[in-house]
C-alpha cells in the first residue's frame, strides 16, 4: 500500500519554516498546495487545543479525506522543537530551515519510523 506523510515545522507566527514529503506514494503537483491548505486549517484547531490540554502530542486533530493531522506541541507552545537548528548561532529564528543535513536526518527518521 502506497502512503505519504508531510512533515512540517511551523513557527510561533504560524509560518511554515520546514516541509518534507516522505513516503512511497507518487508525488502529485497539487499535493504541496493541498498540504498547505490542510496545515493552515488545522492551525486553528491546534491553537484552541494547545491551551486547553496538558498533552504534548495531539493525535488526529483534523482530517481531510484520507489525510490525518497529528501535532506535537512543545511546552512553550512552539508547534515543534527543532533545537539542533536553533542552537546554530547563524540561524535566524523564524526563518526557513535550509540545512541539507537537517533535511537528510528528517527523511531518514521518517523512513525508519513511518
N, C-alpha and C. Protein backbone atom coordinates (compact mmCIF):
# COMPACT_ATOMS: atom_id res chain seq x y z
N UNK A 1 0.84 -1.18 0.00
CA UNK A 1 0.00 0.00 0.00
C UNK A 1 0.88 1.24 0.00
N UNK A 2 0.65 2.15 -0.93
CA UNK A 2 1.43 3.37 -1.02
C UNK A 2 0.90 4.38 -0.01
N UNK A 3 1.83 5.04 0.65
CA UNK A 3 1.43 6.06 1.62
C UNK A 3 2.41 7.21 1.54
N UNK A 4 1.99 8.33 2.07
CA UNK A 4 2.85 9.50 2.11
C UNK A 4 2.60 10.25 3.41
N UNK A 5 3.60 10.97 3.86
CA UNK A 5 3.47 11.80 5.05
C UNK A 5 4.13 13.15 4.75
N UNK A 6 3.54 14.18 5.26
CA UNK A 6 4.10 15.51 5.11
C UNK A 6 4.48 15.98 6.51
N UNK A 7 5.77 16.26 6.70
CA UNK A 7 6.29 16.70 7.99
C UNK A 7 6.57 18.19 7.89
N UNK A 8 5.99 18.98 8.79
CA UNK A 8 6.18 20.43 8.76
C UNK A 8 6.59 20.95 10.12
N UNK A 9 7.41 21.98 10.09
CA UNK A 9 7.73 22.75 11.29
C UNK A 9 7.13 24.13 11.08
N UNK A 10 6.36 24.57 12.08
CA UNK A 10 5.67 25.84 11.98
C UNK A 10 6.19 26.76 13.08
N UNK A 11 6.49 28.01 12.72
CA UNK A 11 7.00 28.97 13.70
C UNK A 11 5.88 29.46 14.61
N UNK A 12 6.23 30.22 15.63
CA UNK A 12 5.24 30.78 16.55
C UNK A 12 4.23 31.65 15.82
N UNK A 13 4.64 32.24 14.70
CA UNK A 13 3.77 33.13 13.93
C UNK A 13 2.96 32.40 12.87
N UNK A 14 2.85 31.06 13.01
CA UNK A 14 2.09 30.22 12.07
C UNK A 14 2.65 30.25 10.65
N UNK A 15 3.96 30.39 10.53
CA UNK A 15 4.62 30.38 9.23
C UNK A 15 5.36 29.06 9.08
N UNK A 16 5.06 28.29 8.02
CA UNK A 16 5.81 27.04 7.80
C UNK A 16 7.27 27.36 7.48
N UNK A 17 8.20 26.81 8.27
CA UNK A 17 9.61 27.09 8.03
C UNK A 17 10.38 25.86 7.56
N UNK A 18 9.73 24.70 7.57
CA UNK A 18 10.34 23.49 7.03
C UNK A 18 9.24 22.54 6.59
N UNK A 19 9.45 21.89 5.45
CA UNK A 19 8.47 20.94 4.96
C UNK A 19 9.18 19.83 4.22
N UNK A 20 8.80 18.60 4.52
CA UNK A 20 9.35 17.43 3.84
C UNK A 20 8.23 16.44 3.59
N UNK A 21 8.13 15.99 2.35
CA UNK A 21 7.17 14.95 1.99
C UNK A 21 7.93 13.65 1.87
N UNK A 22 7.50 12.65 2.59
CA UNK A 22 8.16 11.34 2.56
C UNK A 22 7.11 10.26 2.37
N UNK A 23 7.51 9.19 1.74
CA UNK A 23 6.61 8.07 1.57
C UNK A 23 6.79 7.39 0.23
N UNK A 24 5.93 6.41 -0.02
CA UNK A 24 6.04 5.62 -1.22
C UNK A 24 5.03 6.00 -2.29
N UNK A 25 4.07 6.85 -1.95
CA UNK A 25 3.06 7.25 -2.93
C UNK A 25 3.69 8.21 -3.94
N UNK A 26 3.27 8.13 -5.20
CA UNK A 26 3.79 9.07 -6.20
C UNK A 26 3.40 10.50 -5.85
N UNK A 27 4.33 11.42 -6.06
CA UNK A 27 4.07 12.82 -5.72
C UNK A 27 3.19 13.46 -6.78
N UNK A 28 2.24 14.25 -6.32
CA UNK A 28 1.33 14.95 -7.22
C UNK A 28 1.60 16.44 -7.14
N UNK A 29 1.37 17.11 -8.24
CA UNK A 29 1.60 18.55 -8.34
C UNK A 29 0.77 19.32 -7.31
N UNK A 30 -0.50 18.94 -7.18
CA UNK A 30 -1.40 19.68 -6.28
C UNK A 30 -1.21 19.31 -4.81
N UNK A 31 -0.40 18.28 -4.53
CA UNK A 31 -0.23 17.82 -3.14
C UNK A 31 0.39 18.91 -2.26
N UNK A 32 1.36 19.64 -2.78
CA UNK A 32 2.01 20.69 -1.98
C UNK A 32 0.99 21.76 -1.57
N UNK A 33 0.14 22.16 -2.49
CA UNK A 33 -0.88 23.17 -2.17
C UNK A 33 -1.92 22.60 -1.21
N UNK A 34 -2.26 21.35 -1.41
CA UNK A 34 -3.23 20.70 -0.54
C UNK A 34 -2.69 20.61 0.89
N UNK A 35 -1.41 20.26 1.04
CA UNK A 35 -0.82 20.18 2.37
C UNK A 35 -0.79 21.55 3.05
N UNK A 36 -0.49 22.60 2.31
CA UNK A 36 -0.51 23.95 2.88
C UNK A 36 -1.92 24.32 3.35
N UNK A 37 -2.92 23.99 2.55
CA UNK A 37 -4.32 24.27 2.91
C UNK A 37 -4.70 23.53 4.19
N UNK A 38 -4.37 22.25 4.25
CA UNK A 38 -4.70 21.43 5.42
C UNK A 38 -3.96 21.95 6.65
N UNK A 39 -2.69 22.32 6.49
CA UNK A 39 -1.90 22.85 7.61
C UNK A 39 -2.56 24.09 8.19
N UNK A 40 -2.90 25.04 7.36
CA UNK A 40 -3.47 26.29 7.88
C UNK A 40 -4.85 26.08 8.48
N UNK A 41 -5.62 25.16 7.95
CA UNK A 41 -6.93 24.85 8.53
C UNK A 41 -6.75 24.20 9.91
N UNK A 42 -5.74 23.33 10.04
CA UNK A 42 -5.50 22.64 11.31
C UNK A 42 -4.90 23.56 12.37
N UNK A 43 -4.22 24.61 11.97
CA UNK A 43 -3.60 25.51 12.95
C UNK A 43 -4.63 26.14 13.89
N UNK A 44 -5.81 26.44 13.38
CA UNK A 44 -6.86 27.00 14.24
C UNK A 44 -7.26 26.01 15.33
N UNK A 45 -7.39 24.74 14.95
CA UNK A 45 -7.74 23.70 15.91
C UNK A 45 -6.62 23.54 16.93
N UNK A 46 -5.37 23.56 16.47
CA UNK A 46 -4.22 23.41 17.36
C UNK A 46 -4.17 24.54 18.37
N UNK A 47 -4.40 25.76 17.93
CA UNK A 47 -4.34 26.90 18.85
C UNK A 47 -5.40 26.78 19.94
N UNK A 48 -6.56 26.27 19.61
CA UNK A 48 -7.60 26.09 20.62
C UNK A 48 -7.25 24.96 21.58
N UNK A 49 -6.79 23.83 21.05
CA UNK A 49 -6.49 22.66 21.88
C UNK A 49 -5.24 22.83 22.73
N UNK A 50 -4.24 23.52 22.21
CA UNK A 50 -2.96 23.63 22.91
C UNK A 50 -3.10 24.29 24.28
N UNK A 51 -4.05 25.20 24.42
CA UNK A 51 -4.20 25.91 25.68
C UNK A 51 -5.19 25.24 26.62
N UNK A 52 -5.90 24.22 26.14
CA UNK A 52 -6.90 23.57 26.97
C UNK A 52 -6.50 22.17 27.43
N UNK A 53 -5.36 21.68 26.98
CA UNK A 53 -4.91 20.35 27.37
C UNK A 53 -3.44 20.40 27.78
N UNK A 54 -3.05 19.47 28.62
CA UNK A 54 -1.65 19.40 29.02
C UNK A 54 -0.88 18.40 28.15
N UNK A 55 -1.58 17.72 27.25
CA UNK A 55 -0.93 16.75 26.36
C UNK A 55 -0.04 17.48 25.36
N UNK A 56 1.12 16.89 25.10
CA UNK A 56 2.03 17.48 24.13
C UNK A 56 1.82 16.90 22.73
N UNK A 57 1.33 15.66 22.66
CA UNK A 57 1.05 15.05 21.37
C UNK A 57 -0.46 15.07 21.15
N UNK A 58 -0.88 15.80 20.15
CA UNK A 58 -2.30 15.91 19.83
C UNK A 58 -2.56 15.02 18.61
N UNK A 59 -3.13 13.85 18.86
CA UNK A 59 -3.32 12.85 17.81
C UNK A 59 -4.65 13.08 17.10
N UNK A 60 -4.61 13.03 15.80
CA UNK A 60 -5.80 13.13 14.95
C UNK A 60 -6.65 14.35 15.27
N UNK A 61 -6.07 15.52 15.19
CA UNK A 61 -6.83 16.73 15.49
C UNK A 61 -7.69 17.19 14.33
N UNK A 62 -7.33 16.76 13.11
CA UNK A 62 -8.08 17.18 11.94
C UNK A 62 -7.97 16.09 10.87
N UNK A 63 -8.97 16.01 10.02
CA UNK A 63 -8.97 15.04 8.91
C UNK A 63 -9.42 15.75 7.65
N UNK A 64 -8.82 15.33 6.54
CA UNK A 64 -9.24 15.80 5.23
C UNK A 64 -9.15 14.61 4.29
N UNK A 65 -10.29 14.11 3.87
CA UNK A 65 -10.37 12.87 3.08
C UNK A 65 -9.64 11.76 3.83
N UNK A 66 -8.59 11.21 3.25
CA UNK A 66 -7.85 10.13 3.91
C UNK A 66 -6.62 10.64 4.65
N UNK A 67 -6.45 11.95 4.74
CA UNK A 67 -5.29 12.54 5.42
C UNK A 67 -5.65 12.88 6.86
N UNK A 68 -4.73 12.59 7.78
CA UNK A 68 -4.94 12.84 9.20
C UNK A 68 -3.84 13.79 9.68
N UNK A 69 -4.20 14.78 10.48
CA UNK A 69 -3.25 15.74 11.02
C UNK A 69 -3.00 15.42 12.49
N UNK A 70 -1.75 15.16 12.84
CA UNK A 70 -1.32 14.98 14.22
C UNK A 70 -0.26 16.03 14.51
N UNK A 71 -0.23 16.52 15.74
CA UNK A 71 0.67 17.63 16.08
C UNK A 71 1.37 17.36 17.40
N UNK A 72 2.63 17.73 17.46
CA UNK A 72 3.39 17.72 18.70
C UNK A 72 3.63 19.17 19.08
N UNK A 73 3.14 19.58 20.24
CA UNK A 73 3.27 20.96 20.71
C UNK A 73 4.22 20.97 21.89
N UNK A 74 5.22 21.82 21.85
CA UNK A 74 6.18 21.89 22.95
C UNK A 74 5.58 22.65 24.12
N UNK A 75 6.27 22.60 25.26
CA UNK A 75 5.80 23.30 26.46
C UNK A 75 5.69 24.80 26.23
N UNK A 76 6.53 25.34 25.38
CA UNK A 76 6.48 26.76 25.06
C UNK A 76 5.49 27.08 23.96
N UNK A 77 4.66 26.10 23.59
CA UNK A 77 3.65 26.21 22.54
C UNK A 77 4.24 26.56 21.18
N UNK A 78 5.45 26.08 20.95
CA UNK A 78 6.01 26.10 19.61
C UNK A 78 5.56 24.78 19.00
N UNK A 79 5.12 24.76 17.76
CA UNK A 79 4.50 23.58 17.21
C UNK A 79 5.46 22.43 16.96
N UNK A 80 6.73 22.62 17.07
CA UNK A 80 7.70 21.54 17.04
C UNK A 80 9.04 22.07 17.52
N UNK A 81 9.74 21.29 18.36
CA UNK A 81 11.07 21.70 18.84
C UNK A 81 12.10 21.25 17.83
N UNK A 82 12.87 22.13 17.31
CA UNK A 82 13.96 21.82 16.39
C UNK A 82 15.23 22.44 16.96
N UNK A 83 15.63 21.91 18.12
CA UNK A 83 16.69 22.50 18.92
C UNK A 83 18.05 22.54 18.24
N UNK A 84 18.39 21.51 17.48
CA UNK A 84 19.70 21.49 16.82
C UNK A 84 19.84 22.70 15.90
N UNK A 85 18.78 23.01 15.16
CA UNK A 85 18.80 24.17 14.27
C UNK A 85 18.87 25.46 15.07
N UNK A 86 18.08 25.54 16.15
CA UNK A 86 18.07 26.76 16.96
C UNK A 86 19.40 27.03 17.65
N UNK A 87 20.15 25.98 17.96
CA UNK A 87 21.43 26.16 18.61
C UNK A 87 22.52 26.69 17.68
N UNK A 88 22.26 26.66 16.39
CA UNK A 88 23.22 27.19 15.42
C UNK A 88 23.24 28.72 15.54
N UNK A 89 24.40 29.31 15.84
CA UNK A 89 24.46 30.77 16.02
C UNK A 89 24.19 31.56 14.74
N UNK A 90 24.23 30.90 13.58
CA UNK A 90 23.98 31.60 12.32
C UNK A 90 22.52 31.50 11.87
N UNK A 91 21.71 30.74 12.61
CA UNK A 91 20.30 30.59 12.24
C UNK A 91 19.48 31.72 12.84
N UNK A 92 18.67 32.36 12.02
CA UNK A 92 17.77 33.42 12.47
C UNK A 92 16.42 32.78 12.81
N UNK A 93 16.03 32.75 14.09
CA UNK A 93 14.77 32.10 14.48
C UNK A 93 13.58 32.62 13.68
N UNK A 94 12.78 31.67 13.20
CA UNK A 94 11.61 32.02 12.40
C UNK A 94 11.85 32.00 10.91
N UNK A 95 13.11 31.87 10.49
CA UNK A 95 13.40 31.81 9.06
C UNK A 95 13.33 30.36 8.59
N UNK A 96 13.28 30.16 7.28
CA UNK A 96 13.18 28.80 6.73
C UNK A 96 14.41 27.99 7.09
N UNK A 97 14.20 26.72 7.36
CA UNK A 97 15.29 25.79 7.65
C UNK A 97 15.79 25.27 6.31
N UNK A 98 17.02 25.63 5.95
CA UNK A 98 17.56 25.27 4.64
C UNK A 98 18.73 24.29 4.75
N UNK A 99 18.94 23.71 5.90
CA UNK A 99 20.06 22.80 6.12
C UNK A 99 19.81 21.46 5.43
N UNK A 100 20.71 21.09 4.53
CA UNK A 100 20.58 19.79 3.86
C UNK A 100 20.83 18.65 4.86
N UNK A 101 21.68 18.87 5.84
CA UNK A 101 21.94 17.86 6.87
C UNK A 101 20.66 17.60 7.68
N UNK A 102 19.96 18.64 8.07
CA UNK A 102 18.70 18.51 8.81
C UNK A 102 17.67 17.78 7.96
N UNK A 103 17.57 18.13 6.68
CA UNK A 103 16.63 17.50 5.77
C UNK A 103 16.93 16.01 5.63
N UNK A 104 18.19 15.67 5.51
CA UNK A 104 18.59 14.26 5.39
C UNK A 104 18.21 13.48 6.65
N UNK A 105 18.45 14.06 7.81
CA UNK A 105 18.12 13.40 9.08
C UNK A 105 16.61 13.19 9.22
N UNK A 106 15.82 14.21 8.88
CA UNK A 106 14.36 14.11 8.99
C UNK A 106 13.85 13.01 8.07
N UNK A 107 14.34 12.99 6.84
CA UNK A 107 13.89 11.97 5.88
C UNK A 107 14.31 10.56 6.31
N UNK A 108 15.51 10.41 6.89
CA UNK A 108 15.95 9.11 7.37
C UNK A 108 15.09 8.64 8.53
N UNK A 109 14.76 9.53 9.46
CA UNK A 109 13.90 9.18 10.58
C UNK A 109 12.49 8.81 10.10
N UNK A 110 12.01 9.55 9.11
CA UNK A 110 10.68 9.25 8.58
C UNK A 110 10.65 7.86 7.93
N UNK A 111 11.66 7.53 7.15
CA UNK A 111 11.71 6.21 6.54
C UNK A 111 11.79 5.12 7.59
N UNK A 112 12.47 5.42 8.66
CA UNK A 112 12.67 4.41 9.72
C UNK A 112 11.38 4.18 10.53
N UNK A 113 10.65 5.23 10.83
CA UNK A 113 9.51 5.11 11.74
C UNK A 113 8.14 5.16 11.06
N UNK A 114 8.07 5.53 9.81
CA UNK A 114 6.75 5.59 9.14
C UNK A 114 6.50 4.37 8.30
